[in-house]
């Protein structure tokens, strides 16, 4: 992975995530080093927060849940996700990486 929180692998967007479970709301935050902060309101119980994060991000990137793979970190705050062929890029990401849309 590069010093950025994302990298393209063909048409797949690979994201390093710093998750915050049990937050007041679901939100995409600012990058922290080589991770993107993503908060979800779901409590961290047996991967439920990760499932909620995947569902939230699927909507943000305009893809079905099945097009997001959790590479590692299912029960950790440190995760890597692969999003196959995102249909849109969340507005929250554009200030930090305007070239993310390629």
PDB file of N, CA and C in Angstrom:
ATOM      1  N   UNK A   1       0.843  -1.178   0.000  1.00  0.00           N
ATOM      2  CA  UNK A   1       0.000   0.000   0.000  1.00  0.00           C
ATOM      3  C   UNK A   1       0.885   1.237   0.000  1.00  0.00           C
ATOM      4  N   UNK A   2       0.419   2.326  -0.556  1.00  0.00           N
ATOM      5  CA  UNK A   2       1.202   3.556  -0.605  1.00  0.00           C
ATOM      6  C   UNK A   2       1.019   4.350   0.682  1.00  0.00           C
ATOM      7  N   UNK A   3       1.552   5.596   0.678  1.00  0.00           N
ATOM      8  CA  UNK A   3       1.375   6.454   1.837  1.00  0.00           C
ATOM      9  C   UNK A   3      -0.041   7.019   1.908  1.00  0.00           C
ATOM     10  N   UNK A   4      -0.821   6.824   0.864  1.00  0.00           N
ATOM     11  CA  UNK A   4      -2.213   7.265   0.841  1.00  0.00           C
ATOM     12  C   UNK A   4      -3.107   6.191   1.450  1.00  0.00           C
ATOM     13  N   UNK A   5      -4.338   6.561   1.743  1.00  0.00           N
ATOM     14  CA  UNK A   5      -5.277   5.599   2.313  1.00  0.00           C
ATOM     15  C   UNK A   5      -5.976   4.765   1.251  1.00  0.00           C
ATOM     16  N   UNK A   6      -5.691   5.037  -0.022  1.00  0.00           N
ATOM     17  CA  UNK A   6      -6.326   4.294  -1.102  1.00  0.00           C
ATOM     18  C   UNK A   6      -5.326   3.981  -2.199  1.00  0.00           C
ATOM     19  N   UNK A   7      -5.684   2.999  -2.997  1.00  0.00           N
ATOM     20  CA  UNK A   7      -4.928   2.682  -4.207  1.00  0.00           C
ATOM     21  C   UNK A   7      -5.912   1.998  -5.163  1.00  0.00           C
ATOM     22  N   UNK A   8      -5.713   2.203  -6.431  1.00  0.00           N
ATOM     23  CA  UNK A   8      -6.520   1.508  -7.441  1.00  0.00           C
ATOM     24  C   UNK A   8      -5.815   0.228  -7.844  1.00  0.00           C
ATOM     25  N   UNK A   9      -6.568  -0.842  -7.960  1.00  0.00           N
ATOM     26  CA  UNK A   9      -6.097  -2.121  -8.488  1.00  0.00           C
ATOM     27  C   UNK A   9      -7.011  -2.448  -9.661  1.00  0.00           C
ATOM     28  N   UNK A  10      -6.666  -1.930 -10.832  1.00  0.00           N
ATOM     29  CA  UNK A  10      -7.577  -2.030 -11.969  1.00  0.00           C
ATOM     30  C   UNK A  10      -8.797  -1.166 -11.691  1.00  0.00           C
ATOM     31  N   UNK A  11      -9.994  -1.766 -11.761  1.00  0.00           N
ATOM     32  CA  UNK A  11     -11.211  -1.005 -11.468  1.00  0.00           C
ATOM     33  C   UNK A  11     -11.662  -1.181 -10.016  1.00  0.00           C
ATOM     34  N   UNK A  12     -10.793  -1.753  -9.181  1.00  0.00           N
ATOM     35  CA  UNK A  12     -11.103  -1.968  -7.766  1.00  0.00           C
ATOM     36  C   UNK A  12     -10.387  -0.935  -6.914  1.00  0.00           C
ATOM     37  N   UNK A  13     -11.147  -0.277  -6.048  1.00  0.00           N
ATOM     38  CA  UNK A  13     -10.591   0.697  -5.123  1.00  0.00           C
ATOM     39  C   UNK A  13     -10.266  -0.015  -3.816  1.00  0.00           C
ATOM     40  N   UNK A  14      -9.016   0.061  -3.395  1.00  0.00           N
ATOM     41  CA  UNK A  14      -8.569  -0.562  -2.154  1.00  0.00           C
ATOM     42  C   UNK A  14      -8.421   0.551  -1.123  1.00  0.00           C
ATOM     43  N   UNK A  15      -9.141   0.422   0.002  1.00  0.00           N
ATOM     44  CA  UNK A  15      -9.135   1.437   1.057  1.00  0.00           C
ATOM     45  C   UNK A  15      -8.601   0.868   2.359  1.00  0.00           C
ATOM     46  N   UNK A  16      -7.724   1.610   3.010  1.00  0.00           N
ATOM     47  CA  UNK A  16      -7.325   1.311   4.386  1.00  0.00           C
ATOM     48  C   UNK A  16      -8.229   2.133   5.282  1.00  0.00           C
ATOM     49  N   UNK A  17      -8.853   1.493   6.243  1.00  0.00           N
ATOM     50  CA  UNK A  17      -9.866   2.120   7.088  1.00  0.00           C
ATOM     51  C   UNK A  17      -9.439   2.097   8.546  1.00  0.00           C
ATOM     52  N   UNK A  18      -9.701   3.207   9.240  1.00  0.00           N
ATOM     53  CA  UNK A  18      -9.627   3.273  10.691  1.00  0.00           C
ATOM     54  C   UNK A  18     -11.074   3.410  11.152  1.00  0.00           C
ATOM     55  N   UNK A  19     -11.637   2.335  11.652  1.00  0.00           N
ATOM     56  CA  UNK A  19     -13.045   2.317  12.009  1.00  0.00           C
ATOM     57  C   UNK A  19     -13.314   2.837  13.406  1.00  0.00           C
ATOM     58  N   UNK A  20     -14.466   3.470  13.562  1.00  0.00           N
ATOM     59  CA  UNK A  20     -14.931   3.916  14.872  1.00  0.00           C
ATOM     60  C   UNK A  20     -16.344   3.370  15.069  1.00  0.00           C
ATOM     61  N   UNK A  21     -16.473   2.246  15.769  1.00  0.00           N
ATOM     62  CA  UNK A  21     -17.801   1.696  16.031  1.00  0.00           C
ATOM     63  C   UNK A  21     -18.475   2.442  17.185  1.00  0.00           C
ATOM     64  N   UNK A  22     -19.792   2.323  17.278  1.00  0.00           N
ATOM     65  CA  UNK A  22     -20.533   2.933  18.373  1.00  0.00           C
ATOM     66  C   UNK A  22     -20.546   4.449  18.327  1.00  0.00           C
ATOM     67  N   UNK A  23     -20.375   5.023  17.153  1.00  0.00           N
ATOM     68  CA  UNK A  23     -20.379   6.483  17.004  1.00  0.00           C
ATOM     69  C   UNK A  23     -21.823   7.005  17.045  1.00  0.00           C
ATOM     70  N   UNK A  24     -21.966   8.312  17.083  1.00  0.00           N
ATOM     71  CA  UNK A  24     -23.305   8.894  17.116  1.00  0.00           C
ATOM     72  C   UNK A  24     -24.012   8.782  15.769  1.00  0.00           C
ATOM     73  N   UNK A  25     -23.234   8.642  14.687  1.00  0.00           N
ATOM     74  CA  UNK A  25     -23.832   8.494  13.345  1.00  0.00           C
ATOM     75  C   UNK A  25     -22.819   7.862  12.407  1.00  0.00           C
ATOM     76  N   UNK A  26     -23.306   7.384  11.286  1.00  0.00           N
ATOM     77  CA  UNK A  26     -22.428   6.857  10.239  1.00  0.00           C
ATOM     78  C   UNK A  26     -21.833   8.038   9.479  1.00  0.00           C
ATOM     79  N   UNK A  27     -20.518   8.017   9.276  1.00  0.00           N
ATOM     80  CA  UNK A  27     -19.884   9.137   8.586  1.00  0.00           C
ATOM     81  C   UNK A  27     -18.513   8.740   8.057  1.00  0.00           C
ATOM     82  N   UNK A  28     -18.144   9.364   6.949  1.00  0.00           N
ATOM     83  CA  UNK A  28     -16.782   9.264   6.432  1.00  0.00           C
ATOM     84  C   UNK A  28     -16.037  10.477   6.957  1.00  0.00           C
ATOM     85  N   UNK A  29     -14.929  10.243   7.625  1.00  0.00           N
ATOM     86  CA  UNK A  29     -14.145  11.330   8.207  1.00  0.00           C
ATOM     87  C   UNK A  29     -12.944  11.675   7.362  1.00  0.00           C
ATOM     88  N   UNK A  30     -11.964  12.260   8.014  1.00  0.00           N
ATOM     89  CA  UNK A  30     -10.741  12.678   7.349  1.00  0.00           C
ATOM     90  C   UNK A  30      -9.716  11.550   7.370  1.00  0.00           C
ATOM     91  N   UNK A  31      -8.813  11.555   6.399  1.00  0.00           N
ATOM     92  CA  UNK A  31      -7.709  10.593   6.443  1.00  0.00           C
ATOM     93  C   UNK A  31      -6.822  10.843   7.658  1.00  0.00           C
ATOM     94  N   UNK A  32      -6.318   9.749   8.214  1.00  0.00           N
ATOM     95  CA  UNK A  32      -5.328   9.804   9.296  1.00  0.00           C
ATOM     96  C   UNK A  32      -4.151   8.962   8.852  1.00  0.00           C
ATOM     97  N   UNK A  33      -3.126   9.629   8.365  1.00  0.00           N
ATOM     98  CA  UNK A  33      -1.986   8.903   7.819  1.00  0.00           C
ATOM     99  C   UNK A  33      -2.430   8.104   6.605  1.00  0.00           C
ATOM    100  N   UNK A  34      -2.192   6.806   6.659  1.00  0.00           N
ATOM    101  CA  UNK A  34      -2.572   5.970   5.510  1.00  0.00           C
ATOM    102  C   UNK A  34      -3.890   5.242   5.748  1.00  0.00           C
ATOM    103  N   UNK A  35      -4.765   5.810   6.594  1.00  0.00           N
ATOM    104  CA  UNK A  35      -6.081   5.229   6.834  1.00  0.00           C
ATOM    105  C   UNK A  35      -7.149   6.321   6.723  1.00  0.00           C
ATOM    106  N   UNK A  36      -8.329   5.922   6.276  1.00  0.00           N
ATOM    107  CA  UNK A  36      -9.479   6.809   6.215  1.00  0.00           C
ATOM    108  C   UNK A  36     -10.366   6.510   7.408  1.00  0.00           C
ATOM    109  N   UNK A  37     -10.719   7.531   8.167  1.00  0.00           N
ATOM    110  CA  UNK A  37     -11.575   7.331   9.325  1.00  0.00           C
ATOM    111  C   UNK A  37     -13.026   7.170   8.858  1.00  0.00           C
ATOM    112  N   UNK A  38     -13.657   6.077   9.281  1.00  0.00           N
ATOM    113  CA  UNK A  38     -15.059   5.820   8.972  1.00  0.00           C
ATOM    114  C   UNK A  38     -15.748   5.418  10.271  1.00  0.00           C
ATOM    115  N   UNK A  39     -16.806   6.144  10.621  1.00  0.00           N
ATOM    116  CA  UNK A  39     -17.550   5.889  11.850  1.00  0.00           C
ATOM    117  C   UNK A  39     -18.890   5.246  11.528  1.00  0.00           C
ATOM    118  N   UNK A  40     -19.289   4.323  12.398  1.00  0.00           N
ATOM    119  CA  UNK A  40     -20.618   3.722  12.280  1.00  0.00           C
ATOM    120  C   UNK A  40     -21.274   3.714  13.650  1.00  0.00           C
ATOM    121  N   UNK A  41     -22.591   3.803  13.660  1.00  0.00           N
ATOM    122  CA  UNK A  41     -23.342   3.865  14.910  1.00  0.00           C
ATOM    123  C   UNK A  41     -23.493   2.501  15.574  1.00  0.00           C
ATOM    124  N   UNK A  42     -23.213   1.441  14.859  1.00  0.00           N
ATOM    125  CA  UNK A  42     -23.378   0.082  15.371  1.00  0.00           C
ATOM    126  C   UNK A  42     -22.277  -0.273  16.371  1.00  0.00           C
ATOM    127  N   UNK A  43     -22.672  -0.967  17.426  1.00  0.00           N
ATOM    128  CA  UNK A  43     -21.709  -1.399  18.448  1.00  0.00           C
ATOM    129  C   UNK A  43     -20.803  -2.501  17.900  1.00  0.00           C
ATOM    130  N   UNK A  44     -19.579  -2.597  18.417  1.00  0.00           N
ATOM    131  CA  UNK A  44     -18.620  -3.597  17.921  1.00  0.00           C
ATOM    132  C   UNK A  44     -18.852  -4.978  18.544  1.00  0.00           C
ATOM    133  N   UNK A  45     -19.832  -5.678  18.045  1.00  0.00           N
ATOM    134  CA  UNK A  45     -20.149  -7.012  18.564  1.00  0.00           C
ATOM    135  C   UNK A  45     -20.074  -8.043  17.447  1.00  0.00           C
ATOM    136  N   UNK A  46     -19.073  -8.896  17.498  1.00  0.00           N
ATOM    137  CA  UNK A  46     -18.927 -10.028  16.580  1.00  0.00           C
ATOM    138  C   UNK A  46     -19.018  -9.622  15.112  1.00  0.00           C
ATOM    139  N   UNK A  47     -18.353  -8.526  14.754  1.00  0.00           N
ATOM    140  CA  UNK A  47     -18.305  -8.103  13.361  1.00  0.00           C
ATOM    141  C   UNK A  47     -19.514  -7.330  12.874  1.00  0.00           C
ATOM    142  N   UNK A  48     -20.477  -7.037  13.748  1.00  0.00           N
ATOM    143  CA  UNK A  48     -21.674  -6.313  13.316  1.00  0.00           C
ATOM    144  C   UNK A  48     -21.361  -4.892  12.877  1.00  0.00           C
ATOM    145  N   UNK A  49     -20.391  -4.257  13.526  1.00  0.00           N
ATOM    146  CA  UNK A  49     -20.007  -2.904  13.122  1.00  0.00           C
ATOM    147  C   UNK A  49     -19.374  -2.923  11.731  1.00  0.00           C
ATOM    148  N   UNK A  50     -18.594  -3.941  11.445  1.00  0.00           N
ATOM    149  CA  UNK A  50     -17.998  -4.059  10.109  1.00  0.00           C
ATOM    150  C   UNK A  50     -19.088  -4.268   9.063  1.00  0.00           C
ATOM    151  N   UNK A  51     -20.059  -5.116   9.366  1.00  0.00           N
ATOM    152  CA  UNK A  51     -21.175  -5.316   8.440  1.00  0.00           C
ATOM    153  C   UNK A  51     -21.912  -4.009   8.182  1.00  0.00           C
ATOM    154  N   UNK A  52     -22.134  -3.225   9.244  1.00  0.00           N
ATOM    155  CA  UNK A  52     -22.805  -1.933   9.097  1.00  0.00           C
ATOM    156  C   UNK A  52     -21.960  -0.977   8.267  1.00  0.00           C
ATOM    157  N   UNK A  53     -20.636  -1.012   8.456  1.00  0.00           N
ATOM    158  CA  UNK A  53     -19.742  -0.153   7.693  1.00  0.00           C
ATOM    159  C   UNK A  53     -19.780  -0.502   6.208  1.00  0.00           C
ATOM    160  N   UNK A  54     -19.749  -1.787   5.913  1.00  0.00           N
ATOM    161  CA  UNK A  54     -19.801  -2.220   4.519  1.00  0.00           C
ATOM    162  C   UNK A  54     -21.115  -1.767   3.878  1.00  0.00           C
ATOM    163  N   UNK A  55     -22.212  -1.925   4.586  1.00  0.00           N
ATOM    164  CA  UNK A  55     -23.512  -1.501   4.055  1.00  0.00           C
ATOM    165  C   UNK A  55     -23.534   0.013   3.824  1.00  0.00           C
ATOM    166  N   UNK A  56     -23.026   0.776   4.787  1.00  0.00           N
ATOM    167  CA  UNK A  56     -22.957   2.233   4.662  1.00  0.00           C
ATOM    168  C   UNK A  56     -22.095   2.633   3.462  1.00  0.00           C
ATOM    169  N   UNK A  57     -20.903   2.049   3.363  1.00  0.00           N
ATOM    170  CA  UNK A  57     -20.002   2.402   2.266  1.00  0.00           C
ATOM    171  C   UNK A  57     -20.533   1.949   0.913  1.00  0.00           C
ATOM    172  N   UNK A  58     -21.261   0.865   0.867  1.00  0.00           N
ATOM    173  CA  UNK A  58     -21.870   0.426  -0.397  1.00  0.00           C
ATOM    174  C   UNK A  58     -22.779   1.524  -0.940  1.00  0.00           C
ATOM    175  N   UNK A  59     -23.578   2.109  -0.067  1.00  0.00           N
ATOM    176  CA  UNK A  59     -24.432   3.213  -0.496  1.00  0.00           C
ATOM    177  C   UNK A  59     -23.634   4.433  -0.919  1.00  0.00           C
ATOM    178  N   UNK A  60     -22.577   4.729  -0.206  1.00  0.00           N
ATOM    179  CA  UNK A  60     -21.740   5.895  -0.517  1.00  0.00           C
ATOM    180  C   UNK A  60     -21.032   5.753  -1.867  1.00  0.00           C
ATOM    181  N   UNK A  61     -20.634   4.519  -2.207  1.00  0.00           N
ATOM    182  CA  UNK A  61     -19.910   4.276  -3.457  1.00  0.00           C
ATOM    183  C   UNK A  61     -20.810   3.775  -4.579  1.00  0.00           C
ATOM    184  N   UNK A  62     -22.107   3.633  -4.314  1.00  0.00           N
ATOM    185  CA  UNK A  62     -23.054   3.245  -5.354  1.00  0.00           C
ATOM    186  C   UNK A  62     -22.893   1.810  -5.835  1.00  0.00           C
ATOM    187  N   UNK A  63     -22.548   0.904  -4.907  1.00  0.00           N
ATOM    188  CA  UNK A  63     -22.380  -0.505  -5.268  1.00  0.00           C
ATOM    189  C   UNK A  63     -23.203  -1.377  -4.328  1.00  0.00           C
ATOM    190  N   UNK A  64     -23.380  -2.625  -4.701  1.00  0.00           N
ATOM    191  CA  UNK A  64     -24.040  -3.569  -3.811  1.00  0.00           C
ATOM    192  C   UNK A  64     -23.037  -4.038  -2.756  1.00  0.00           C
ATOM    193  N   UNK A  65     -23.554  -4.498  -1.629  1.00  0.00           N
ATOM    194  CA  UNK A  65     -22.713  -4.998  -0.544  1.00  0.00           C
ATOM    195  C   UNK A  65     -21.798  -6.114  -1.041  1.00  0.00           C
ATOM    196  N   UNK A  66     -22.282  -6.915  -1.970  1.00  0.00           N
ATOM    197  CA  UNK A  66     -21.489  -8.041  -2.464  1.00  0.00           C
ATOM    198  C   UNK A  66     -20.248  -7.595  -3.235  1.00  0.00           C
ATOM    199  N   UNK A  67     -20.172  -6.323  -3.631  1.00  0.00           N
ATOM    200  CA  UNK A  67     -19.002  -5.829  -4.353  1.00  0.00           C
ATOM    201  C   UNK A  67     -17.950  -5.229  -3.424  1.00  0.00           C
ATOM    202  N   UNK A  68     -18.153  -5.358  -2.106  1.00  0.00           N
ATOM    203  CA  UNK A  68     -17.157  -4.902  -1.139  1.00  0.00           C
ATOM    204  C   UNK A  68     -16.629  -6.116  -0.380  1.00  0.00           C
ATOM    205  N   UNK A  69     -15.326  -6.289  -0.436  1.00  0.00           N
ATOM    206  CA  UNK A  69     -14.652  -7.400   0.260  1.00  0.00           C
ATOM    207  C   UNK A  69     -13.858  -6.837   1.429  1.00  0.00           C
ATOM    208  N   UNK A  70     -14.016  -7.449   2.592  1.00  0.00           N
ATOM    209  CA  UNK A  70     -13.191  -7.100   3.751  1.00  0.00           C
ATOM    210  C   UNK A  70     -11.944  -7.981   3.659  1.00  0.00           C
ATOM    211  N   UNK A  71     -10.826  -7.395   3.308  1.00  0.00           N
ATOM    212  CA  UNK A  71      -9.582  -8.143   3.131  1.00  0.00           C
ATOM    213  C   UNK A  71      -9.047  -8.578   4.493  1.00  0.00           C
ATOM    214  N   UNK A  72      -8.986  -7.634   5.433  1.00  0.00           N
ATOM    215  CA  UNK A  72      -8.613  -7.970   6.800  1.00  0.00           C
ATOM    216  C   UNK A  72      -9.244  -6.967   7.753  1.00  0.00           C
ATOM    217  N   UNK A  73      -9.324  -7.341   9.026  1.00  0.00           N
ATOM    218  CA  UNK A  73      -9.817  -6.448  10.055  1.00  0.00           C
ATOM    219  C   UNK A  73     -11.288  -6.574  10.377  1.00  0.00           C
ATOM    220  N   UNK A  74     -11.880  -7.707  10.077  1.00  0.00           N
ATOM    221  CA  UNK A  74     -13.323  -7.869  10.326  1.00  0.00           C
ATOM    222  C   UNK A  74     -13.696  -7.538  11.767  1.00  0.00           C
ATOM    223  N   UNK A  75     -12.860  -7.891  12.741  1.00  0.00           N
ATOM    224  CA  UNK A  75     -13.156  -7.610  14.145  1.00  0.00           C
ATOM    225  C   UNK A  75     -12.146  -6.631  14.755  1.00  0.00           C
ATOM    226  N   UNK A  76     -11.558  -5.797  13.922  1.00  0.00           N
ATOM    227  CA  UNK A  76     -10.562  -4.821  14.361  1.00  0.00           C
ATOM    228  C   UNK A  76     -10.963  -3.444  13.848  1.00  0.00           C
ATOM    229  N   UNK A  77     -10.426  -2.397  14.460  1.00  0.00           N
ATOM    230  CA  UNK A  77     -10.685  -1.059  13.933  1.00  0.00           C
ATOM    231  C   UNK A  77      -9.832  -0.779  12.694  1.00  0.00           C
ATOM    232  N   UNK A  78      -8.781  -1.555  12.492  1.00  0.00           N
ATOM    233  CA  UNK A  78      -7.904  -1.413  11.327  1.00  0.00           C
ATOM    234  C   UNK A  78      -8.353  -2.402  10.266  1.00  0.00           C
ATOM    235  N   UNK A  79      -8.810  -1.889   9.124  1.00  0.00           N
ATOM    236  CA  UNK A  79      -9.385  -2.732   8.072  1.00  0.00           C
ATOM    237  C   UNK A  79      -8.824  -2.373   6.708  1.00  0.00           C
ATOM    238  N   UNK A  80      -8.956  -3.312   5.814  1.00  0.00           N
ATOM    239  CA  UNK A  80      -8.725  -3.016   4.408  1.00  0.00           C
ATOM    240  C   UNK A  80      -9.924  -3.551   3.642  1.00  0.00           C
ATOM    241  N   UNK A  81     -10.472  -2.696   2.789  1.00  0.00           N
ATOM    242  CA  UNK A  81     -11.633  -3.058   1.978  1.00  0.00           C
ATOM    243  C   UNK A  81     -11.284  -2.931   0.507  1.00  0.00           C
ATOM    244  N   UNK A  82     -11.886  -3.798  -0.299  1.00  0.00           N
ATOM    245  CA  UNK A  82     -11.769  -3.720  -1.756  1.00  0.00           C
ATOM    246  C   UNK A  82     -13.162  -3.477  -2.310  1.00  0.00           C
ATOM    247  N   UNK A  83     -13.321  -2.387  -3.036  1.00  0.00           N
ATOM    248  CA  UNK A  83     -14.620  -2.022  -3.606  1.00  0.00           C
ATOM    249  C   UNK A  83     -14.522  -2.171  -5.112  1.00  0.00           C
ATOM    250  N   UNK A  84     -15.217  -3.180  -5.639  1.00  0.00           N
ATOM    251  CA  UNK A  84     -15.151  -3.455  -7.079  1.00  0.00           C
ATOM    252  C   UNK A  84     -15.991  -2.460  -7.865  1.00  0.00           C
ATOM    253  N   UNK A  85     -15.362  -1.769  -8.786  1.00  0.00           N
ATOM    254  CA  UNK A  85     -15.989  -0.857  -9.739  1.00  0.00           C
ATOM    255  C   UNK A  85     -16.959   0.114  -9.082  1.00  0.00           C
ATOM    256  N   UNK A  86     -16.462   0.985  -8.190  1.00  0.00           N
ATOM    257  CA  UNK A  86     -17.362   1.957  -7.562  1.00  0.00           C
ATOM    258  C   UNK A  86     -18.036   2.827  -8.618  1.00  0.00           C
ATOM    259  N   UNK A  87     -19.314   3.077  -8.434  1.00  0.00           N
ATOM    260  CA  UNK A  87     -20.083   3.869  -9.390  1.00  0.00           C
ATOM    261  C   UNK A  87     -20.013   5.357  -9.100  1.00  0.00           C
ATOM    262  N   UNK A  88     -19.675   5.698  -7.854  1.00  0.00           N
ATOM    263  CA  UNK A  88     -19.508   7.105  -7.494  1.00  0.00           C
ATOM    264  C   UNK A  88     -18.480   7.199  -6.374  1.00  0.00           C
ATOM    265  N   UNK A  89     -17.950   8.387  -6.211  1.00  0.00           N
ATOM    266  CA  UNK A  89     -16.992   8.655  -5.145  1.00  0.00           C
ATOM    267  C   UNK A  89     -17.679   9.609  -4.175  1.00  0.00           C
ATOM    268  N   UNK A  90     -17.708   9.268  -2.885  1.00  0.00           N
ATOM    269  CA  UNK A  90     -18.362  10.144  -1.910  1.00  0.00           C
ATOM    270  C   UNK A  90     -17.750  11.542  -1.910  1.00  0.00           C
ATOM    271  N   UNK A  91     -18.593  12.538  -1.860  1.00  0.00           N
ATOM    272  CA  UNK A  91     -18.162  13.927  -1.830  1.00  0.00           C
ATOM    273  C   UNK A  91     -17.190  14.188  -0.684  1.00  0.00           C
ATOM    274  N   UNK A  92     -17.376  13.497   0.425  1.00  0.00           N
ATOM    275  CA  UNK A  92     -16.509  13.691   1.595  1.00  0.00           C
ATOM    276  C   UNK A  92     -15.041  13.398   1.295  1.00  0.00           C
ATOM    277  N   UNK A  93     -14.762  12.604   0.283  1.00  0.00           N
ATOM    278  CA  UNK A  93     -13.376  12.243  -0.041  1.00  0.00           C
ATOM    279  C   UNK A  93     -12.692  13.242  -0.974  1.00  0.00           C
ATOM    280  N   UNK A  94     -13.434  14.016  -1.712  1.00  0.00           N
ATOM    281  CA  UNK A  94     -12.860  14.855  -2.752  1.00  0.00           C
ATOM    282  C   UNK A  94     -11.912  15.951  -2.252  1.00  0.00           C
ATOM    283  N   UNK A  95     -12.115  16.563  -1.079  1.00  0.00           N
ATOM    284  CA  UNK A  95     -11.157  17.595  -0.645  1.00  0.00           C
ATOM    285  C   UNK A  95      -9.730  17.075  -0.445  1.00  0.00           C
ATOM    286  N   UNK A  96      -9.593  15.805  -0.075  1.00  0.00           N
ATOM    287  CA  UNK A  96      -8.263  15.267   0.203  1.00  0.00           C
ATOM    288  C   UNK A  96      -7.639  14.616  -1.006  1.00  0.00           C
ATOM    289  N   UNK A  97      -8.437  14.061  -1.851  1.00  0.00           N
ATOM    290  CA  UNK A  97      -7.891  13.352  -3.001  1.00  0.00           C
ATOM    291  C   UNK A  97      -8.762  13.618  -4.225  1.00  0.00           C
ATOM    292  N   UNK A  98      -8.682  14.823  -4.805  1.00  0.00           N
ATOM    293  CA  UNK A  98      -9.531  15.148  -5.941  1.00  0.00           C
ATOM    294  C   UNK A  98      -9.303  14.239  -7.139  1.00  0.00           C
ATOM    295  N   UNK A  99      -8.146  13.570  -7.181  1.00  0.00           N
ATOM    296  CA  UNK A  99      -7.867  12.694  -8.309  1.00  0.00           C
ATOM    297  C   UNK A  99      -8.309  11.253  -8.055  1.00  0.00           C
ATOM    298  N   UNK A 100      -9.025  10.992  -6.955  1.00  0.00           N
ATOM    299  CA  UNK A 100      -9.446   9.624  -6.652  1.00  0.00           C
ATOM    300  C   UNK A 100     -10.361   9.068  -7.748  1.00  0.00           C
ATOM    301  N   UNK A 101     -11.104   9.933  -8.405  1.00  0.00           N
ATOM    302  CA  UNK A 101     -12.029   9.479  -9.441  1.00  0.00           C
ATOM    303  C   UNK A 101     -11.308   9.094 -10.719  1.00  0.00           C
ATOM    304  N   UNK A 102     -10.009   9.200 -10.734  1.00  0.00           N
ATOM    305  CA  UNK A 102      -9.150   8.882 -11.879  1.00  0.00           C
ATOM    306  C   UNK A 102      -9.501   9.801 -12.988  1.00  0.00           C
TER     307      UNK A 102
END
